[in-house]
Amino acid sequence: MATIRYEGKEQAALITEAGLLPLAAVNEREGTDWETDLWNLLQAGRLDSLRDWYDRGGARRLTALPKLAEHEVTYGPLYRRPGKIIGIGMNYLAKAIELSGRPPEDEPVVFLKPDTSLIGPGEYIEWPAGIGEVTAEAELAIVIGRRCRSVGEAEALEYAAGYASSLDMTAKEIHARNPRFMQRAKSYDTFASLGASLVTPDEYEDLNTLEVVTRLNGEPVHRNTVDRMIFSPSYLISFLSKIMTLNPGDVILTGTPGSVVIGYGDVAECDIFKQVSLRNPVIADMEYKPL
């Protein structure tokens, strides 16, 4: 699924081989009442029902419906106001050593991103004046599908609605001055990008082999697979659920295989198999204009 901007609003759409199909059009054709944006679909707990309906004949019945081509729409973030955006730092061995100069800790590094930091595909990463170098980090995002509290690792992935692409930005020089400044360095406006697609867990036969790639101006800079994470997605969901209740729509950024310094005119990108490619251009603060 994806969130698209179409007919003056952001709305949910199915991604098919023939193109994009807004859920509003599905409702009109089939007489169904699916929520037409991803946030409300998750809050209603109906994503699994939609997937089952689609797999059990819905897809076949929709083949005759006209689809939208990518050039007819623009993508948005999955939604604009997630309850929580939870970041995980230094979750690949090489990245942990790069940042700290020593092997990783025994427990995950956790921080929060404000919803005011959130942007979607194609929207500008704003480079605030006077903060020095900024880095971008491609990450696999976990989207929580149902309320999750104190769950075990073995069952944790059952609470994932799906996976998305994300970019996590950091004010590198501020963080380098003092590790305690990490929250500040992560919290600037436009310093988190999410979407545009949500891929349900059944679409990945083996999540461990999934590759996450950080690209700069189209060129791959860092890449690694999920099985090289220090703390797996199932561990992270379980670990976090014992600290805070995870609600539908909460997002977990699982860490990056590597960061890249970005500057004015660059395009940062997260590239993950089956995901709509997530690209964001960089613009100086004084020249920022909303899309």
Protein backbone atom coordinates (compact mmCIF):
# COMPACT_ATOMS: atom_id res chain seq x y z
CA MET A 1 0.00 0.00 0.00
CA ALA A 2 0.95 3.64 -0.33
CA THR A 3 -0.22 7.10 0.59
CA ILE A 4 -0.66 9.26 -2.48
CA ARG A 5 -1.66 12.86 -3.08
CA TYR A 6 -4.59 12.74 -5.48
CA GLU A 7 -7.64 14.93 -6.05
CA GLY A 8 -6.38 17.45 -3.53
CA LYS A 9 -5.84 15.12 -0.57
CA GLU A 10 -3.54 12.44 0.79
CA GLN A 11 -5.20 9.03 0.67
CA ALA A 12 -4.41 5.33 0.79
CA ALA A 13 -3.96 3.33 -2.38
CA LEU A 14 -3.21 -0.27 -3.29
CA ILE A 15 -0.04 -0.81 -5.30
CA THR A 16 -0.73 -3.25 -8.14
CA GLU A 17 1.30 -4.37 -11.13
CA ALA A 18 -1.01 -2.27 -13.32
CA GLY A 19 -0.73 0.88 -11.22
CA LEU A 20 -2.16 2.54 -8.13
CA LEU A 21 -5.76 2.07 -6.99
CA PRO A 22 -7.16 4.43 -4.32
CA LEU A 23 -9.16 2.71 -1.59
CA ALA A 24 -11.92 5.26 -2.20
CA ALA A 25 -12.31 3.81 -5.71
CA VAL A 26 -12.40 0.29 -4.25
CA ASN A 27 -15.20 1.30 -1.89
CA GLU A 28 -17.17 2.88 -4.72
CA ARG A 29 -16.84 -0.20 -6.94
CA GLU A 30 -17.29 -2.90 -4.31
CA GLY A 31 -19.63 -1.23 -1.84
CA THR A 32 -17.02 -1.69 0.90
CA ASP A 33 -16.27 0.75 3.68
CA TRP A 34 -12.51 0.56 4.13
CA GLU A 35 -10.97 3.61 5.78
CA THR A 36 -9.44 5.65 2.98
CA ASP A 37 -6.26 6.73 4.78
CA LEU A 38 -3.64 4.48 6.34
CA TRP A 39 -3.73 6.06 9.79
CA ASN A 40 -7.44 5.41 10.29
CA LEU A 41 -7.16 1.97 8.71
CA LEU A 42 -4.54 1.05 11.33
CA GLN A 43 -6.50 2.61 14.19
CA ALA A 44 -9.56 0.58 13.19
CA GLY A 45 -7.49 -2.61 13.13
CA ARG A 46 -8.68 -3.43 9.63
CA LEU A 47 -5.45 -3.77 7.64
CA ASP A 48 -5.36 -7.55 8.08
CA SER A 49 -9.01 -7.80 7.00
CA LEU A 50 -8.27 -5.73 3.89
CA ARG A 51 -5.30 -7.95 3.05
CA ASP A 52 -7.41 -11.11 3.48
CA TRP A 53 -10.19 -9.66 1.33
CA TYR A 54 -7.69 -8.74 -1.37
CA ASP A 55 -6.04 -12.18 -1.35
CA ARG A 56 -9.33 -14.07 -1.36
CA GLY A 57 -10.72 -12.65 -4.56
CA GLY A 58 -10.67 -8.90 -4.12
CA ALA A 59 -7.62 -8.50 -6.33
CA ARG A 60 -9.28 -10.46 -9.12
CA ARG A 61 -12.46 -8.38 -8.98
CA LEU A 62 -10.49 -5.16 -9.19
CA THR A 63 -8.51 -5.99 -12.32
CA ALA A 64 -11.00 -4.18 -14.55
CA LEU A 65 -10.83 -0.94 -12.57
CA PRO A 66 -8.69 1.84 -14.12
CA LYS A 67 -5.42 2.37 -12.29
CA LEU A 68 -3.37 5.50 -11.74
CA ALA A 69 0.13 5.67 -13.18
CA GLU A 70 2.94 6.97 -10.97
CA HIS A 71 3.26 10.14 -13.02
CA GLU A 72 -0.37 11.00 -12.21
CA VAL A 73 0.21 11.19 -8.46
CA THR A 74 2.79 12.21 -5.93
CA TYR A 75 3.59 10.17 -2.85
CA GLY A 76 3.18 11.34 0.72
CA PRO A 77 4.41 9.94 4.02
CA LEU A 78 2.36 7.00 5.28
CA TYR A 79 0.63 9.52 7.58
CA ARG A 80 1.52 12.86 9.12
CA ARG A 81 1.04 12.38 12.86
CA PRO A 82 2.22 8.99 14.17
CA GLY A 83 1.80 8.53 17.91
CA LYS A 84 5.48 7.72 18.39
CA ILE A 85 8.55 7.67 16.15
CA ILE A 86 11.14 5.59 18.00
CA GLY A 87 14.72 5.58 16.74
CA ILE A 88 17.35 2.92 17.37
CA GLY A 89 20.98 3.99 17.21
CA MET A 90 24.09 2.03 16.27
CA ASN A 91 22.22 -1.17 15.37
CA TYR A 92 24.76 -2.48 12.86
CA LEU A 93 28.19 -3.47 14.12
CA ALA A 94 30.15 -1.34 11.65
CA LYS A 95 28.02 1.72 12.43
CA ALA A 96 28.39 1.20 16.18
CA ILE A 97 32.17 1.08 15.93
CA GLU A 98 32.20 4.11 13.59
CA LEU A 99 30.31 6.23 16.12
CA SER A 100 31.74 5.03 19.40
CA GLY A 101 35.06 3.42 18.49
CA ARG A 102 34.15 0.31 20.50
CA PRO A 103 31.86 -2.72 20.26
CA PRO A 104 28.14 -2.08 20.77
CA GLU A 105 26.36 -1.95 24.10
CA ASP A 106 24.37 -4.90 25.45
CA GLU A 107 21.10 -3.01 25.05
CA PRO A 108 19.71 -0.84 22.24
CA VAL A 109 20.30 2.90 22.06
CA VAL A 110 16.81 4.47 21.98
CA PHE A 111 15.68 8.00 21.12
CA LEU A 112 12.42 9.64 20.01
CA LYS A 113 11.73 11.76 16.94
CA PRO A 114 8.97 14.41 17.16
CA ASP A 115 6.18 14.30 14.61
CA THR A 116 7.21 17.83 13.55
CA SER A 117 10.36 16.25 12.10
CA LEU A 118 8.33 14.14 9.67
CA ILE A 119 8.30 14.62 5.90
CA GLY A 120 7.40 12.38 2.98
CA PRO A 121 8.88 11.40 -0.38
CA GLY A 122 10.12 14.31 -2.45
CA GLU A 123 9.77 16.85 0.33
CA TYR A 124 12.78 18.91 1.31
CA ILE A 125 15.24 18.08 4.06
CA GLU A 126 15.86 21.50 5.56
CA TRP A 127 19.49 22.23 6.43
CA PRO A 128 19.28 24.75 9.31
CA ALA A 129 21.87 27.49 9.25
CA GLY A 130 24.69 27.27 11.76
CA ILE A 131 24.39 23.65 12.88
CA GLY A 132 27.26 22.27 10.82
CA GLU A 133 27.26 18.92 9.05
CA VAL A 134 24.03 16.94 8.71
CA THR A 135 23.91 13.23 7.91
CA ALA A 136 21.17 11.08 6.39
CA GLU A 137 20.67 7.43 7.27
CA ALA A 138 18.54 4.91 5.37
CA GLU A 139 16.62 2.61 7.71
CA LEU A 140 14.00 -0.10 7.65
CA ALA A 141 10.95 1.13 9.57
CA ILE A 142 8.56 -1.16 11.44
CA VAL A 143 4.95 0.01 11.57
CA ILE A 144 3.00 -1.34 14.54
CA GLY A 145 -0.40 -2.77 13.68
CA ARG A 146 -2.03 -3.45 17.05
CA ARG A 147 -1.58 -2.57 20.69
CA CYS A 148 1.58 -4.18 22.00
CA ARG A 149 2.63 -4.32 25.65
CA SER A 150 5.25 -6.59 27.28
CA VAL A 151 5.30 -9.15 24.47
CA GLY A 152 7.90 -11.86 24.01
CA GLU A 153 10.39 -11.90 21.18
CA ALA A 154 8.90 -15.06 19.66
CA GLU A 155 5.53 -13.38 19.08
CA ALA A 156 6.69 -9.81 18.53
CA LEU A 157 6.50 -9.74 14.72
CA GLU A 158 2.80 -10.61 14.91
CA TYR A 159 2.28 -7.02 16.05
CA ALA A 160 3.88 -5.51 12.94
CA ALA A 161 1.44 -4.15 10.37
CA GLY A 162 4.30 -4.00 7.90
CA TYR A 163 7.53 -2.34 6.90
CA ALA A 164 8.46 0.95 5.26
CA SER A 165 11.46 2.92 4.07
CA SER A 166 12.76 5.77 6.20
CA LEU A 167 15.52 8.35 6.36
CA ASP A 168 16.80 9.56 9.73
CA MET A 169 18.75 12.82 9.74
CA THR A 170 21.23 13.93 12.41
CA ALA A 171 23.02 17.20 13.16
CA LYS A 172 26.37 15.45 13.25
CA GLU A 173 28.49 18.18 14.83
CA ILE A 174 26.00 18.81 17.62
CA HIS A 175 25.95 15.11 18.49
CA ALA A 176 29.75 14.92 18.31
CA ARG A 177 30.12 17.71 20.88
CA ASN A 178 28.40 15.60 23.50
CA PRO A 179 26.60 12.22 23.18
CA ARG A 180 23.93 13.58 25.51
CA PHE A 181 22.94 16.01 22.76
CA MET A 182 21.67 13.17 20.54
CA GLN A 183 17.98 13.95 21.13
CA ARG A 184 18.56 17.57 20.12
CA ALA A 185 20.58 16.53 17.08
CA LYS A 186 17.76 14.25 15.89
CA SER A 187 14.79 16.56 16.47
CA TYR A 188 15.01 19.34 13.90
CA ASP A 189 12.09 19.90 11.56
CA THR A 190 12.30 17.71 8.40
CA PHE A 191 14.81 15.32 10.03
CA ALA A 192 12.68 12.18 9.51
CA SER A 193 11.25 10.90 6.24
CA LEU A 194 8.79 7.99 6.03
CA GLY A 195 7.04 6.15 3.25
CA ALA A 196 5.55 6.15 0.80
CA SER A 197 4.78 2.43 0.82
CA LEU A 198 3.74 0.01 3.55
CA VAL A 199 4.63 -3.58 2.68
CA THR A 200 2.85 -6.21 4.76
CA PRO A 201 4.96 -8.96 6.37
CA ASP A 202 3.68 -11.72 4.06
CA GLU A 203 5.39 -9.99 1.13
CA TYR A 204 8.84 -10.83 2.55
CA GLU A 205 9.67 -14.52 2.54
CA ASP A 206 12.78 -13.98 4.67
CA LEU A 207 13.06 -10.63 6.43
CA ASN A 208 16.65 -11.42 7.45
CA THR A 209 17.88 -11.28 3.84
CA LEU A 210 16.31 -7.88 3.17
CA GLU A 211 18.92 -5.30 2.18
CA VAL A 212 18.85 -1.67 3.28
CA VAL A 213 20.80 0.77 1.10
CA THR A 214 21.75 4.38 1.82
CA ARG A 215 22.17 6.29 -1.46
CA LEU A 216 23.45 9.80 -2.14
CA ASN A 217 22.59 11.37 -5.49
CA GLY A 218 21.68 7.93 -6.83
CA GLU A 219 24.92 6.23 -5.81
CA PRO A 220 24.97 3.52 -3.11
CA VAL A 221 27.12 4.55 -0.14
CA HIS A 222 26.25 1.96 2.52
CA ARG A 223 24.33 -1.30 2.39
CA ASN A 224 23.65 -4.20 4.72
CA THR A 225 21.06 -6.87 5.42
CA VAL A 226 18.66 -7.22 8.32
CA ASP A 227 20.46 -10.31 9.60
CA ARG A 228 23.50 -8.08 10.32
CA MET A 229 21.56 -6.00 12.80
CA ILE A 230 22.79 -6.30 16.38
CA PHE A 231 19.19 -6.24 17.64
CA SER A 232 16.65 -7.89 15.33
CA PRO A 233 13.22 -6.41 14.52
CA SER A 234 11.54 -8.98 16.76
CA TYR A 235 13.90 -8.17 19.63
CA LEU A 236 13.31 -4.43 19.22
CA ILE A 237 9.52 -4.74 19.31
CA SER A 238 9.71 -6.94 22.40
CA PHE A 239 12.29 -4.73 24.13
CA LEU A 240 10.41 -1.50 23.47
CA SER A 241 7.03 -2.99 24.44
CA LYS A 242 8.44 -3.60 27.92
CA ILE A 243 9.30 0.10 28.23
CA MET A 244 6.26 1.70 26.62
CA THR A 245 2.98 0.49 25.14
CA LEU A 246 3.23 0.41 21.36
CA ASN A 247 0.05 1.49 19.60
CA PRO A 248 -1.19 1.07 16.03
CA GLY A 249 0.67 3.45 13.76
CA ASP A 250 3.73 3.79 15.99
CA VAL A 251 6.95 3.63 13.97
CA ILE A 252 10.27 2.05 14.92
CA LEU A 253 13.35 3.11 12.93
CA THR A 254 15.61 0.07 13.22
CA GLY A 255 19.01 1.65 12.62
CA THR A 256 21.15 2.27 9.57
CA PRO A 257 23.92 0.38 7.78
CA GLY A 258 25.68 3.73 7.45
CA SER A 259 25.19 7.48 7.30
CA VAL A 260 26.21 9.96 4.62
CA VAL A 261 26.93 13.68 4.94
CA ILE A 262 24.39 15.72 2.97
CA GLY A 263 24.46 19.30 1.79
CA TYR A 264 22.58 21.81 -0.31
CA GLY A 265 21.47 20.31 -3.63
CA ASP A 266 22.02 16.68 -2.62
CA VAL A 267 19.36 13.97 -2.77
CA ALA A 268 19.34 11.37 0.03
CA GLU A 269 17.66 8.05 -0.63
CA CYS A 270 16.57 4.88 1.15
CA ASP A 271 16.40 1.88 -1.17
CA ILE A 272 14.69 -1.32 0.06
CA PHE A 273 13.30 -4.20 -2.04
CA LYS A 274 9.55 -3.93 -2.82
CA GLN A 275 9.38 -0.44 -1.33
CA VAL A 276 8.64 2.71 -3.29
CA SER A 277 12.04 4.39 -3.36
CA LEU A 278 12.27 7.16 -0.75
CA ARG A 279 14.14 10.23 -2.02
CA ASN A 280 14.46 13.64 -0.40
CA PRO A 281 16.35 16.68 -1.73
CA VAL A 282 18.28 18.98 0.59
CA ILE A 283 17.68 22.72 0.70
CA ALA A 284 19.18 25.49 2.81
CA ASP A 285 16.94 26.81 5.58
CA MET A 286 16.72 30.33 4.19
CA GLU A 287 15.58 29.02 0.81
CA TYR A 288 13.01 26.51 2.08
CA LYS A 289 9.67 26.50 0.27
CA PRO A 290 6.98 23.92 1.09
CA LEU A 291 6.09 21.63 -1.80
